Amino acid sequence: MLILSRKLSEKIMIGEDISVSIIEIRGDQVRIGVDAPKSVKVFREEVFDAIRAENRAAAQSAPVFPEFDFGAEREPL
C-alpha cells in the first residue's frame, strides 16, 4: 500500500484520468473528492462490499419462476 501525505486542496493523481482531492479536514475526518471518468465506478468500501454480497446472494438463489429455468430438466407439457 502506498501511503501519501496531502494538505487541504492538494491532489493525488491515479493514472492520467483519476484525481483525488482533499476537500476538507475537520478533526479526525477528511472529506475527499474523486474526479474520474464515468466509465470508472467509485464506491465507498462498505457500499462496494454490500453490492458484492448482493450479487453473490443473487447468483446463488433459486430462480423466482422455476418453470422458466431453461437450464433445468423438466417434463414435457
C-alpha atoms as a PDB file:
ATOM      1  CA  MET A   1       0.000   0.000   0.000  1.00  0.00           C
ATOM      2  CA  LEU A   2       1.279   3.421  -0.932  1.00  0.00           C
ATOM      3  CA  ILE A   3       0.800   5.978   1.856  1.00  0.00           C
ATOM      4  CA  LEU A   4       0.863   9.662   0.929  1.00  0.00           C
ATOM      5  CA  SER A   5       0.527  12.868   2.903  1.00  0.00           C
ATOM      6  CA  ARG A   6      -1.546  15.698   1.430  1.00  0.00           C
ATOM      7  CA  LYS A   7      -2.696  19.086   2.643  1.00  0.00           C
ATOM      8  CA  LEU A   8      -6.010  20.814   2.062  1.00  0.00           C
ATOM      9  CA  SER A   9      -6.696  21.396  -1.674  1.00  0.00           C
ATOM     10  CA  GLU A  10      -3.826  19.139  -2.759  1.00  0.00           C
ATOM     11  CA  LYS A  11      -4.453  16.230  -5.116  1.00  0.00           C
ATOM     12  CA  ILE A  12      -3.299  12.715  -5.772  1.00  0.00           C
ATOM     13  CA  MET A  13      -3.307  11.507  -9.377  1.00  0.00           C
ATOM     14  CA  ILE A  14      -4.096   7.895 -10.269  1.00  0.00           C
ATOM     15  CA  GLY A  15      -3.024   7.371 -13.842  1.00  0.00           C
ATOM     16  CA  GLU A  16      -3.903  10.252 -16.153  1.00  0.00           C
ATOM     17  CA  ASP A  17      -7.683  10.226 -15.661  1.00  0.00           C
ATOM     18  CA  ILE A  18      -8.363   9.987 -11.921  1.00  0.00           C
ATOM     19  CA  SER A  19      -7.629  12.577  -9.260  1.00  0.00           C
ATOM     20  CA  VAL A  20      -8.353  12.504  -5.551  1.00  0.00           C
ATOM     21  CA  SER A  21      -8.593  15.910  -3.853  1.00  0.00           C
ATOM     22  CA  ILE A  22      -8.539  16.788  -0.168  1.00  0.00           C
ATOM     23  CA  ILE A  23     -11.656  18.939   0.226  1.00  0.00           C
ATOM     24  CA  GLU A  24     -11.899  19.445   3.977  1.00  0.00           C
ATOM     25  CA  ILE A  25     -10.142  18.372   7.165  1.00  0.00           C
ATOM     26  CA  ARG A  26     -12.228  18.611  10.322  1.00  0.00           C
ATOM     27  CA  GLY A  27     -10.978  16.878  13.466  1.00  0.00           C
ATOM     28  CA  ASP A  28     -10.436  13.215  12.651  1.00  0.00           C
ATOM     29  CA  GLN A  29     -12.476  13.352   9.428  1.00  0.00           C
ATOM     30  CA  VAL A  30     -11.170  14.078   5.962  1.00  0.00           C
ATOM     31  CA  ARG A  31     -13.522  14.846   3.063  1.00  0.00           C
ATOM     32  CA  ILE A  32     -12.151  13.854  -0.302  1.00  0.00           C
ATOM     33  CA  GLY A  33     -13.325  14.377  -3.850  1.00  0.00           C
ATOM     34  CA  VAL A  34     -12.760  11.870  -6.630  1.00  0.00           C
ATOM     35  CA  ASP A  35     -12.720  13.004 -10.237  1.00  0.00           C
ATOM     36  CA  ALA A  36     -12.867  10.034 -12.597  1.00  0.00           C
ATOM     37  CA  PRO A  37     -14.338   9.172 -15.993  1.00  0.00           C
ATOM     38  CA  LYS A  38     -17.953   7.948 -15.925  1.00  0.00           C
ATOM     39  CA  SER A  39     -16.736   4.519 -17.007  1.00  0.00           C
ATOM     40  CA  VAL A  40     -14.898   4.142 -13.669  1.00  0.00           C
ATOM     41  CA  LYS A  41     -17.190   3.172 -10.804  1.00  0.00           C
ATOM     42  CA  VAL A  42     -16.236   4.752  -7.483  1.00  0.00           C
ATOM     43  CA  PHE A  43     -17.779   3.454  -4.234  1.00  0.00           C
ATOM     44  CA  ARG A  44     -17.131   3.708  -0.524  1.00  0.00           C
ATOM     45  CA  GLU A  45     -15.774   0.346   0.629  1.00  0.00           C
ATOM     46  CA  GLU A  46     -18.853  -0.550   2.694  1.00  0.00           C
ATOM     47  CA  VAL A  47     -21.147   0.152  -0.279  1.00  0.00           C
ATOM     48  CA  PHE A  48     -18.902  -1.888  -2.578  1.00  0.00           C
ATOM     49  CA  ASP A  49     -18.949  -4.799  -0.113  1.00  0.00           C
ATOM     50  CA  ALA A  50     -22.763  -4.638   0.136  1.00  0.00           C
ATOM     51  CA  ILE A  51     -23.120  -4.664  -3.655  1.00  0.00           C
ATOM     52  CA  ARG A  52     -20.756  -7.619  -3.928  1.00  0.00           C
ATOM     53  CA  ALA A  53     -22.677  -9.535  -1.226  1.00  0.00           C
ATOM     54  CA  GLU A  54     -25.990  -8.829  -3.005  1.00  0.00           C
ATOM     55  CA  ASN A  55     -24.563 -10.044  -6.307  1.00  0.00           C
ATOM     56  CA  ARG A  56     -23.268 -13.240  -4.699  1.00  0.00           C
ATOM     57  CA  ALA A  57     -26.604 -13.887  -2.999  1.00  0.00           C
ATOM     58  CA  ALA A  58     -28.499 -13.318  -6.253  1.00  0.00           C
ATOM     59  CA  ALA A  59     -26.204 -15.686  -8.140  1.00  0.00           C
ATOM     60  CA  GLN A  60     -26.774 -18.432  -5.551  1.00  0.00           C
ATOM     61  CA  SER A  61     -30.538 -18.031  -5.189  1.00  0.00           C
ATOM     62  CA  ALA A  62     -33.112 -20.234  -6.875  1.00  0.00           C
ATOM     63  CA  PRO A  63     -34.991 -18.815  -9.861  1.00  0.00           C
ATOM     64  CA  VAL A  64     -38.112 -16.853  -8.963  1.00  0.00           C
ATOM     65  CA  PHE A  65     -40.095 -18.700 -11.665  1.00  0.00           C
ATOM     66  CA  PRO A  66     -38.643 -22.231 -11.733  1.00  0.00           C
ATOM     67  CA  GLU A  67     -40.862 -23.149 -14.691  1.00  0.00           C
ATOM     68  CA  PHE A  68     -38.842 -20.655 -16.736  1.00  0.00           C
ATOM     69  CA  ASP A  69     -35.455 -22.015 -15.692  1.00  0.00           C
ATOM     70  CA  PHE A  70     -34.379 -23.155 -19.160  1.00  0.00           C
ATOM     71  CA  GLY A  71     -31.169 -24.688 -17.862  1.00  0.00           C
ATOM     72  CA  ALA A  72     -33.027 -27.295 -15.776  1.00  0.00           C
ATOM     73  CA  GLU A  73     -34.509 -30.580 -16.966  1.00  0.00           C
ATOM     74  CA  ARG A  74     -38.302 -30.557 -16.996  1.00  0.00           C
ATOM     75  CA  GLU A  75     -41.162 -32.745 -18.099  1.00  0.00           C
ATOM     76  CA  PRO A  76     -42.753 -32.032 -21.472  1.00  0.00           C
ATOM     77  CA  LEU A  77     -46.141 -30.300 -21.450  1.00  0.00           C
END
